[in-house]
Protein backbone atom coordinates (compact mmCIF):
# COMPACT_ATOMS: atom_id res chain seq x y z
CA LYS A 1 79.42 69.85 177.08
CA GLY A 2 75.53 70.76 177.43
CA ILE A 3 75.80 74.69 179.50
CA GLU A 4 78.22 75.47 176.54
CA ARG A 5 75.91 74.95 173.91
CA GLU A 6 72.84 76.10 176.09
CA LEU A 7 75.11 78.87 176.65
CA ARG A 8 75.96 79.65 172.85
CA ARG A 9 72.43 79.63 171.55
CA GLY A 10 71.30 81.71 174.00
CA THR A 11 74.17 84.11 173.36
CA LEU A 12 74.84 83.74 169.22
CA GLU A 13 72.75 86.80 168.36
CA LEU A 14 74.74 89.09 171.03
CA ILE A 15 77.58 87.52 169.06
CA VAL A 16 76.47 88.11 165.57
CA LEU A 17 75.53 91.61 166.42
CA ARG A 18 78.93 92.49 168.21
CA LEU A 19 81.26 91.22 165.53
CA LEU A 20 79.01 93.60 163.11
CA GLU A 21 79.65 96.40 165.39
CA PRO A 22 82.80 97.55 163.02
CA GLY A 23 81.36 97.11 159.60
CA GLU A 24 79.42 94.87 157.08
CA ALA A 25 80.42 91.42 156.40
CA TYR A 26 79.34 87.93 154.77
CA GLY A 27 78.87 85.27 156.08
CA TYR A 28 82.22 83.62 156.04
CA ASP A 29 84.18 86.49 158.15
CA ILE A 30 81.13 86.03 160.65
CA VAL A 31 82.43 82.49 161.08
CA SER A 32 86.10 82.76 160.45
CA GLN A 33 85.92 86.18 162.88
CA LEU A 34 84.00 84.17 165.60
CA THR A 35 87.13 81.40 165.51
CA THR A 36 89.79 83.77 165.59
CA GLU A 37 88.95 86.06 168.66
CA THR A 38 88.03 83.19 171.07
CA ASP A 39 91.19 81.20 170.04
CA GLY A 40 88.72 78.61 168.93
CA VAL A 41 86.45 78.49 171.90
CA LEU A 42 83.51 79.69 170.24
CA THR A 43 82.32 77.82 166.88
CA VAL A 44 79.63 78.43 164.73
CA THR A 45 78.58 76.64 161.78
CA ASP A 46 76.59 77.85 158.08
CA GLY A 47 73.36 76.16 159.36
CA THR A 48 73.65 77.94 163.11
CA LEU A 49 74.80 81.55 161.86
CA TYR A 50 72.16 82.25 158.53
CA PRO A 51 68.90 81.33 160.55
CA VAL A 52 70.23 84.21 162.79
CA LEU A 53 70.94 86.70 160.58
CA TYR A 54 67.75 86.07 158.59
CA ARG A 55 66.38 86.88 162.46
CA LEU A 56 68.02 89.47 162.97
CA GLU A 57 66.87 91.02 159.49
CA ARG A 58 63.34 90.37 159.91
CA ALA A 59 63.36 92.32 163.42
CA GLY A 60 65.37 95.72 161.49
CA CYS A 61 68.54 94.97 163.39
CA VAL A 62 70.91 94.28 160.00
CA GLN A 63 70.62 95.35 156.73
CA VAL A 64 71.44 93.23 153.29
CA ARG A 65 73.67 94.29 150.41
CA TRP A 66 74.61 91.48 148.33
CA ASP A 67 78.17 92.37 145.42
CA THR A 68 78.85 90.88 142.85
CA PRO A 69 82.44 90.60 142.26
CA ASP A 70 83.38 90.48 138.14
CA ARG A 71 84.54 86.87 138.66
CA GLY A 72 83.14 84.75 141.62
CA VAL A 73 79.60 84.09 143.70
CA PRO A 74 77.55 86.53 144.40
CA ARG A 75 77.75 87.63 148.16
CA LYS A 76 75.28 88.84 150.53
CA TYR A 77 76.91 91.29 153.58
CA TYR A 78 75.43 92.32 156.13
CA ARG A 79 75.56 95.62 158.72
CA LEU A 80 74.02 97.35 161.58
CA THR A 81 71.53 99.27 161.19
CA PRO A 82 70.33 101.52 163.78
CA ALA A 83 67.88 99.22 165.40
CA GLY A 84 70.97 96.87 165.79
CA ARG A 85 73.22 99.20 167.51
CA GLN A 86 70.22 99.32 170.18
CA GLU A 87 70.01 95.77 170.53
CA LEU A 88 73.77 95.24 170.54
CA ALA A 89 74.06 97.57 173.83
CA GLN A 90 70.83 96.42 175.27
CA LEU A 91 72.20 92.86 175.25
CA GLU A 92 75.84 93.82 176.44
CA HIS A 93 73.74 95.27 179.10
CA GLU A 94 72.42 91.71 180.05
CA TRP A 95 75.18 89.76 179.55
CA THR A 96 77.27 91.86 182.03
CA THR A 97 74.64 92.07 184.29
CA PHE A 98 74.36 88.24 184.38
CA ALA A 99 78.59 87.48 184.37
CA GLU A 100 78.84 89.95 186.66
CA ALA A 101 76.19 87.82 188.94
CA MET A 102 77.30 84.60 188.21
CA ALA A 103 81.31 85.64 189.08
CA LYS A 104 79.90 86.81 192.51
CA LEU A 105 78.01 83.73 192.94
CA LEU A 106 81.27 81.09 191.93
CA ASN A 107 83.67 83.02 193.83
CA THR A 108 81.20 83.42 196.78
CA SER A 109 80.59 79.79 196.68
CA GLN A 110 84.63 78.58 196.42
CA LYS A 111 85.23 81.05 198.95
CA GLU A 112 82.53 78.88 201.12
CA ARG A 113 84.40 75.60 200.14
CA ASN A 114 87.88 76.79 201.38
């Protein structure tokens, strides 16, 4: 569980930006979409998600829009800004490079054991 927790913590910004790439969403949408798209392997709570969204907002990577339905609770929607799209591209590149290097290392180590 330790490495999984650390990996999740280190990739939350990438995860959130990627989930916002198709369009705007509010917090519950993001939590649900993450769980659905990863078959429950990756999950996040509101308490973990919102600090990430606030950081991304302060960094200019996401824009906020409030919507108040006729009946119900106001919702805060998040969407990527141009800076957020650039950050997403950079993080995706970094992640892909890291994942490819790890796969190579693990495959090499496994071959040496056999």
